[in-house]
Structure formats: C-alpha cells, structure tokens
Amino acid sequence: PSSAETAYTLADVQYRRGAYDRARFYIDRVNKSPEQSNAQTLWLGARIEYKLGNRPLAFGLGDQLRKRYPQSPEALAYEQGRFND
C-alpha cells in the first residue's frame, strides 16, 4: 500500500497479532518519510522494535518522537516506558 494511513493500519493489525516482522515492514515505509510519520507511527515503530529486541532502534524512534511531538500522549507513554500497552 502506498497510503501512509493504510500502511499504519496494516502495521497495527500485524503488531496486535504478534507478527512483528510484518508490522515492521509496513511501519518502516511510513517512518522513513518525515512528511508521513507522526507521533502514532513513531510510537508504533518503537513498540515493534522493542518487541523484536532491537532496543537501540526502539529508543532512537522514541527519542525522535519526544523531540518532534513532546506534548503527545505517545511521547508520554514512551517516557513512562509503556512499550507493552
């Protein structure tokens, strides 16, 4: 899917199913484009990487989230370490 919204939705569905590699595939397509990424996509990407055990990338996405969207609920969740919510 070329739509960022569709890719996010597919990533979210795959994440909820526990198919983290597939979820990564979709969310990476969105997060690689700063114009398309947002607080939700960055947070989902961080949670996916955390589940896959890639802590450096998870924390990198979280830091990007905190810098770009410091007042967002997702940034708060990141700061609280709520990766498994």
N, C-alpha and C. Protein backbone atom coordinates (compact mmCIF):
# COMPACT_ATOMS: atom_id res chain seq x y z
N PRO A 1 0.81 -1.21 0.00
CA PRO A 1 0.00 0.00 0.00
C PRO A 1 0.85 1.26 0.00
N SER A 2 0.47 2.20 -0.83
CA SER A 2 1.23 3.44 -0.90
C SER A 2 0.71 4.47 0.09
N SER A 3 -0.46 4.27 0.63
CA SER A 3 -1.05 5.19 1.58
C SER A 3 -0.42 5.01 2.96
N ALA A 4 0.02 6.11 3.55
CA ALA A 4 0.61 6.05 4.90
C ALA A 4 -0.41 5.55 5.91
N GLU A 5 -1.64 5.98 5.77
CA GLU A 5 -2.69 5.56 6.70
C GLU A 5 -2.95 4.06 6.60
N THR A 6 -2.98 3.55 5.38
CA THR A 6 -3.19 2.12 5.19
C THR A 6 -2.01 1.33 5.74
N ALA A 7 -0.79 1.78 5.48
CA ALA A 7 0.40 1.11 5.98
C ALA A 7 0.41 1.10 7.51
N TYR A 8 0.03 2.21 8.12
CA TYR A 8 -0.04 2.27 9.58
C TYR A 8 -1.07 1.26 10.10
N THR A 9 -2.24 1.22 9.47
CA THR A 9 -3.28 0.30 9.91
C THR A 9 -2.83 -1.15 9.79
N LEU A 10 -2.19 -1.48 8.67
CA LEU A 10 -1.69 -2.84 8.49
C LEU A 10 -0.61 -3.17 9.52
N ALA A 11 0.26 -2.23 9.81
CA ALA A 11 1.29 -2.45 10.82
C ALA A 11 0.66 -2.67 12.18
N ASP A 12 -0.35 -1.90 12.51
CA ASP A 12 -1.02 -2.03 13.80
C ASP A 12 -1.70 -3.40 13.93
N VAL A 13 -2.36 -3.84 12.87
CA VAL A 13 -3.02 -5.15 12.88
C VAL A 13 -1.98 -6.25 13.06
N GLN A 14 -0.89 -6.17 12.32
CA GLN A 14 0.16 -7.19 12.44
C GLN A 14 0.79 -7.17 13.82
N TYR A 15 0.98 -5.99 14.39
CA TYR A 15 1.53 -5.88 15.74
C TYR A 15 0.61 -6.58 16.75
N ARG A 16 -0.67 -6.31 16.65
CA ARG A 16 -1.64 -6.92 17.57
C ARG A 16 -1.70 -8.43 17.43
N ARG A 17 -1.40 -8.92 16.25
CA ARG A 17 -1.38 -10.37 16.01
C ARG A 17 -0.06 -11.02 16.45
N GLY A 18 0.92 -10.19 16.78
CA GLY A 18 2.23 -10.72 17.17
C GLY A 18 3.15 -10.97 15.99
N ALA A 19 2.77 -10.51 14.82
CA ALA A 19 3.59 -10.66 13.61
C ALA A 19 4.48 -9.43 13.48
N TYR A 20 5.47 -9.34 14.36
CA TYR A 20 6.27 -8.12 14.48
C TYR A 20 7.12 -7.82 13.25
N ASP A 21 7.64 -8.85 12.59
CA ASP A 21 8.42 -8.60 11.38
C ASP A 21 7.56 -7.99 10.27
N ARG A 22 6.34 -8.50 10.12
CA ARG A 22 5.42 -7.94 9.12
C ARG A 22 5.03 -6.52 9.51
N ALA A 23 4.79 -6.31 10.80
CA ALA A 23 4.43 -4.97 11.27
C ALA A 23 5.56 -4.00 10.97
N ARG A 24 6.78 -4.44 11.19
CA ARG A 24 7.94 -3.59 10.91
C ARG A 24 7.99 -3.20 9.43
N PHE A 25 7.73 -4.15 8.57
CA PHE A 25 7.74 -3.90 7.14
C PHE A 25 6.84 -2.73 6.78
N TYR A 26 5.63 -2.73 7.30
CA TYR A 26 4.67 -1.67 6.97
C TYR A 26 5.01 -0.34 7.63
N ILE A 27 5.36 -0.36 8.91
CA ILE A 27 5.59 0.90 9.61
C ILE A 27 6.87 1.58 9.14
N ASP A 28 7.86 0.79 8.75
CA ASP A 28 9.10 1.38 8.25
C ASP A 28 8.85 2.22 7.00
N ARG A 29 7.90 1.79 6.19
CA ARG A 29 7.58 2.54 4.97
C ARG A 29 7.07 3.93 5.30
N VAL A 30 6.36 4.05 6.39
CA VAL A 30 5.82 5.34 6.81
C VAL A 30 6.89 6.17 7.51
N ASN A 31 7.58 5.56 8.46
CA ASN A 31 8.53 6.31 9.28
C ASN A 31 9.78 6.75 8.53
N LYS A 32 10.05 6.16 7.39
CA LYS A 32 11.21 6.60 6.59
C LYS A 32 10.96 7.93 5.90
N SER A 33 9.73 8.37 5.92
CA SER A 33 9.37 9.64 5.29
C SER A 33 8.90 10.61 6.37
N PRO A 34 9.73 11.61 6.72
CA PRO A 34 9.33 12.56 7.77
C PRO A 34 8.01 13.26 7.49
N GLU A 35 7.65 13.41 6.22
CA GLU A 35 6.39 14.06 5.89
C GLU A 35 5.18 13.18 6.23
N GLN A 36 5.39 11.87 6.27
CA GLN A 36 4.30 10.95 6.53
C GLN A 36 4.26 10.48 7.98
N SER A 37 5.39 10.47 8.65
CA SER A 37 5.42 9.97 10.01
C SER A 37 4.81 10.98 10.97
N ASN A 38 4.29 10.46 12.07
CA ASN A 38 3.72 11.31 13.11
C ASN A 38 3.92 10.62 14.45
N ALA A 39 3.34 11.16 15.50
CA ALA A 39 3.53 10.59 16.83
C ALA A 39 3.06 9.14 16.90
N GLN A 40 1.93 8.84 16.28
CA GLN A 40 1.40 7.48 16.31
C GLN A 40 2.31 6.50 15.58
N THR A 41 2.79 6.89 14.41
CA THR A 41 3.62 5.96 13.64
C THR A 41 4.98 5.74 14.30
N LEU A 42 5.55 6.80 14.85
CA LEU A 42 6.83 6.65 15.53
C LEU A 42 6.70 5.77 16.77
N TRP A 43 5.62 5.95 17.51
CA TRP A 43 5.41 5.16 18.72
C TRP A 43 5.17 3.69 18.37
N LEU A 44 4.38 3.43 17.34
CA LEU A 44 4.18 2.04 16.93
C LEU A 44 5.50 1.44 16.47
N GLY A 45 6.28 2.18 15.73
CA GLY A 45 7.59 1.69 15.30
C GLY A 45 8.48 1.36 16.49
N ALA A 46 8.48 2.21 17.50
CA ALA A 46 9.29 1.97 18.70
C ALA A 46 8.81 0.72 19.43
N ARG A 47 7.51 0.55 19.53
CA ARG A 47 6.97 -0.63 20.22
C ARG A 47 7.28 -1.91 19.46
N ILE A 48 7.23 -1.85 18.15
CA ILE A 48 7.56 -3.02 17.34
C ILE A 48 9.03 -3.40 17.54
N GLU A 49 9.91 -2.41 17.44
CA GLU A 49 11.34 -2.70 17.61
C GLU A 49 11.64 -3.21 19.01
N TYR A 50 10.93 -2.70 19.99
CA TYR A 50 11.11 -3.16 21.37
C TYR A 50 10.73 -4.64 21.48
N LYS A 51 9.61 -5.00 20.87
CA LYS A 51 9.16 -6.41 20.88
C LYS A 51 10.16 -7.31 20.15
N LEU A 52 10.79 -6.78 19.12
CA LEU A 52 11.77 -7.57 18.37
C LEU A 52 13.13 -7.61 19.06
N GLY A 53 13.26 -6.90 20.17
CA GLY A 53 14.53 -6.91 20.92
C GLY A 53 15.55 -5.91 20.42
N ASN A 54 15.15 -5.05 19.51
CA ASN A 54 16.08 -4.05 18.96
C ASN A 54 15.95 -2.76 19.77
N ARG A 55 16.50 -2.80 20.98
CA ARG A 55 16.36 -1.66 21.90
C ARG A 55 16.97 -0.37 21.35
N PRO A 56 18.15 -0.39 20.73
CA PRO A 56 18.70 0.87 20.22
C PRO A 56 17.78 1.56 19.21
N LEU A 57 17.18 0.81 18.31
CA LEU A 57 16.27 1.41 17.33
C LEU A 57 14.97 1.85 18.01
N ALA A 58 14.48 1.05 18.95
CA ALA A 58 13.27 1.43 19.69
C ALA A 58 13.48 2.75 20.41
N PHE A 59 14.62 2.90 21.08
CA PHE A 59 14.90 4.13 21.81
C PHE A 59 15.19 5.29 20.86
N GLY A 60 15.77 5.01 19.71
CA GLY A 60 16.00 6.05 18.71
C GLY A 60 14.69 6.61 18.18
N LEU A 61 13.73 5.73 17.89
CA LEU A 61 12.41 6.18 17.44
C LEU A 61 11.70 6.94 18.55
N GLY A 62 11.86 6.44 19.78
CA GLY A 62 11.24 7.12 20.92
C GLY A 62 11.82 8.50 21.14
N ASP A 63 13.12 8.62 20.98
CA ASP A 63 13.75 9.94 21.14
C ASP A 63 13.28 10.90 20.05
N GLN A 64 13.15 10.37 18.84
CA GLN A 64 12.64 11.19 17.73
C GLN A 64 11.21 11.64 18.03
N LEU A 65 10.41 10.73 18.56
CA LEU A 65 9.04 11.03 18.96
C LEU A 65 9.01 12.14 20.00
N ARG A 66 9.85 12.02 21.01
CA ARG A 66 9.88 13.00 22.09
C ARG A 66 10.32 14.38 21.59
N LYS A 67 11.25 14.41 20.65
CA LYS A 67 11.73 15.69 20.11
C LYS A 67 10.71 16.35 19.21
N ARG A 68 10.06 15.56 18.36
CA ARG A 68 9.13 16.13 17.38
C ARG A 68 7.74 16.39 17.94
N TYR A 69 7.32 15.57 18.90
CA TYR A 69 5.96 15.66 19.44
C TYR A 69 5.99 15.56 20.97
N PRO A 70 6.66 16.50 21.64
CA PRO A 70 6.88 16.38 23.09
C PRO A 70 5.61 16.39 23.93
N GLN A 71 4.53 16.97 23.44
CA GLN A 71 3.29 17.05 24.21
C GLN A 71 2.30 15.92 23.89
N SER A 72 2.69 15.00 23.03
CA SER A 72 1.75 13.96 22.61
C SER A 72 1.60 12.87 23.67
N PRO A 73 0.45 12.21 23.68
CA PRO A 73 0.25 11.07 24.59
C PRO A 73 1.27 9.96 24.32
N GLU A 74 1.68 9.82 23.06
CA GLU A 74 2.66 8.79 22.70
C GLU A 74 4.02 9.10 23.32
N ALA A 75 4.42 10.37 23.33
CA ALA A 75 5.69 10.76 23.96
C ALA A 75 5.64 10.49 25.46
N LEU A 76 4.51 10.74 26.07
CA LEU A 76 4.35 10.45 27.49
C LEU A 76 4.46 8.95 27.74
N ALA A 77 3.81 8.15 26.91
CA ALA A 77 3.89 6.70 27.05
C ALA A 77 5.33 6.23 26.91
N TYR A 78 6.07 6.81 25.96
CA TYR A 78 7.48 6.47 25.78
C TYR A 78 8.28 6.81 27.03
N GLU A 79 8.08 8.01 27.54
CA GLU A 79 8.83 8.44 28.73
C GLU A 79 8.52 7.55 29.93
N GLN A 80 7.32 7.02 29.98
CA GLN A 80 6.92 6.12 31.07
C GLN A 80 7.30 4.67 30.81
N GLY A 81 7.88 4.41 29.63
CA GLY A 81 8.32 3.05 29.30
C GLY A 81 7.18 2.07 29.08
N ARG A 82 6.05 2.55 28.59
CA ARG A 82 4.87 1.71 28.41
C ARG A 82 4.88 1.04 27.03
N PHE A 83 5.92 0.29 26.75
CA PHE A 83 6.06 -0.37 25.45
C PHE A 83 5.06 -1.51 25.26
N ASN A 84 4.56 -2.06 26.33
CA ASN A 84 3.68 -3.24 26.22
C ASN A 84 2.21 -2.92 26.35
N ASP A 85 1.84 -1.65 26.34
CA ASP A 85 0.42 -1.27 26.44
C ASP A 85 -0.30 -1.55 25.16
